[in-house]
Amino acid sequence: MKPKNKFQQKAVEASKKLPPLTPAQERWAYTKVIEPVGRRTENGLVYCLDCGEVFHNDTKRKHCNCPNCRTKLYIEDTRKQKFEQRMYAIYITACEGLQVIRVFSVDYYAKVGTAPRYSHTEVMQRWIAPNGKYCTLARNRVWGTMYYDSWIYSSDLELHNETWAYDQIDTSDIYPRMKLIPELKRTGYKKGFYGQTPKDLFCALLTDNRAESLLKMGQDDLLRLYLNDHSRNINDYWPSIRIAVRNGYKVTDATMWCDYLDMLRESGKDLHSPKYVCPADLHREHDRYMNKLARLETDREIAENLPSYLRKETAYRKAKANFFGLVFSDGHIDVRVLESVREIVLEGKAMHHCVGSYHSKADSLILSATIDGKRLETVEVSLSKLQVIQSRGVCNGQTEYHDRIVNLVNRNMPLIRKRIAA
């Protein structure tokens, strides 16, 4: 694809000036991104595929250190002789006044009895201008396959149209030393990605003064919520955020705090008063107003006529019917989509949290996690980001199954994506 504007032309020309990885950068990719493997036999002998040492370890643990090279090994109990890994290493740098995110595919091949082989290939570059515009240079991909990162390594890095596939590349392994353009430094950014990819975070900071302000205010959890939860309008909370900052109040649970402000608003309280905006015990105040509003809501529901209730059900069914019948299970925990306004209201009352009003949130999908029919946590998924926004148990707490529930939903996001496209 030929460049269509001066920015794209500059990115293409600047790409030719990027240097190869330094020995230190290569070493980081091979030791931090790739997880060295130890092969354990049935009699407890472990073969370190890094140095070739053979030692005894029958603890059944999945990690141990090689006594010879001190490498932390991931233990595989298997008879196979060959092992392969392919991971992504991310390097963030600056070139010609543009922010660059370089993505390398790191390959690992090991065979029992031989030294492991490592290699790396640059597969993608995301170029970001100081005004937040961006473009992507990447290698060609194989079409007609279910894998979005089936790269054609013999192709060149060239400009491509933006596609969702480039945003799916794992960007969790990022080289710790970053070079930033001055415009990004001025936003106050230093480290951390707040649940975003580097490209999405940098573009947000360069184009959105609210994101920049939250970062400079030190309100990290509010920034994370703002970037991840597009169903909330930050303007509804901004005056209260300024009151909190002015009074030195740090919001540590942004989702609960914003839900609490919504309940204060519904109760007619003054959202400019530090007395309400900066509670000493957020959980207690949140639950108190939730119970108060639940009682009022129940009274209103009794007073409402049936046609009004049916209209809510009809609107909800029209918006979310594609997801009805969707159930995930790991054999112990079941997670299913709530299929009516009545189910969502009952979920909120049973779990003593505020999900009962979420049936009107267009970007949210509400699911309930259970074991043998007993409620554990309620899960909210953003349909635009395909991410778990929150997963809450009774009184907004987290159960011992919290991580398993979130991981179960994340593993099944492709099923939700398929229902969106249906």
Foldseek 3Di string as FASTA:
>chain_A
DDDDDPVQVVVVVQVVVDDDDDPVLVVCCVQPVDAFAWEAEPQQWTAGQAPRDIDGDDPPDQWDADPPPRGIHGYDHDDDFKDKDWAKEWEWEDTPQKTKIWIKIKMWITGRPDHIDIDIATAKMWIAHLQLDIWMWGADADPPDPQLPRGPRVGDGGTDDDDVSVQPHDHPHYDPDHHDRVSQVVLVDDDDDLPGHPSLSSSCSSHPVVLSVCNVLVQSQLSSLVSFPPLDDCVLCVLLVVLCSVVVAHDPHNVLLVLQVVLCVVVVHDSNDCPRSRDPDSLVSSLVSLVVVLVVVVVVVVVDDDVVQVVLFVVLCVLCVLQAPDWFDPPFKIKGWDRGLVSQLVVCVVQSHDSSPVSPRNQWTWIFIDGPPHTAWIWIAGNVVLATSAIAGRSRHHDPCRVVVRVRSSVCSVVVVVSVVD
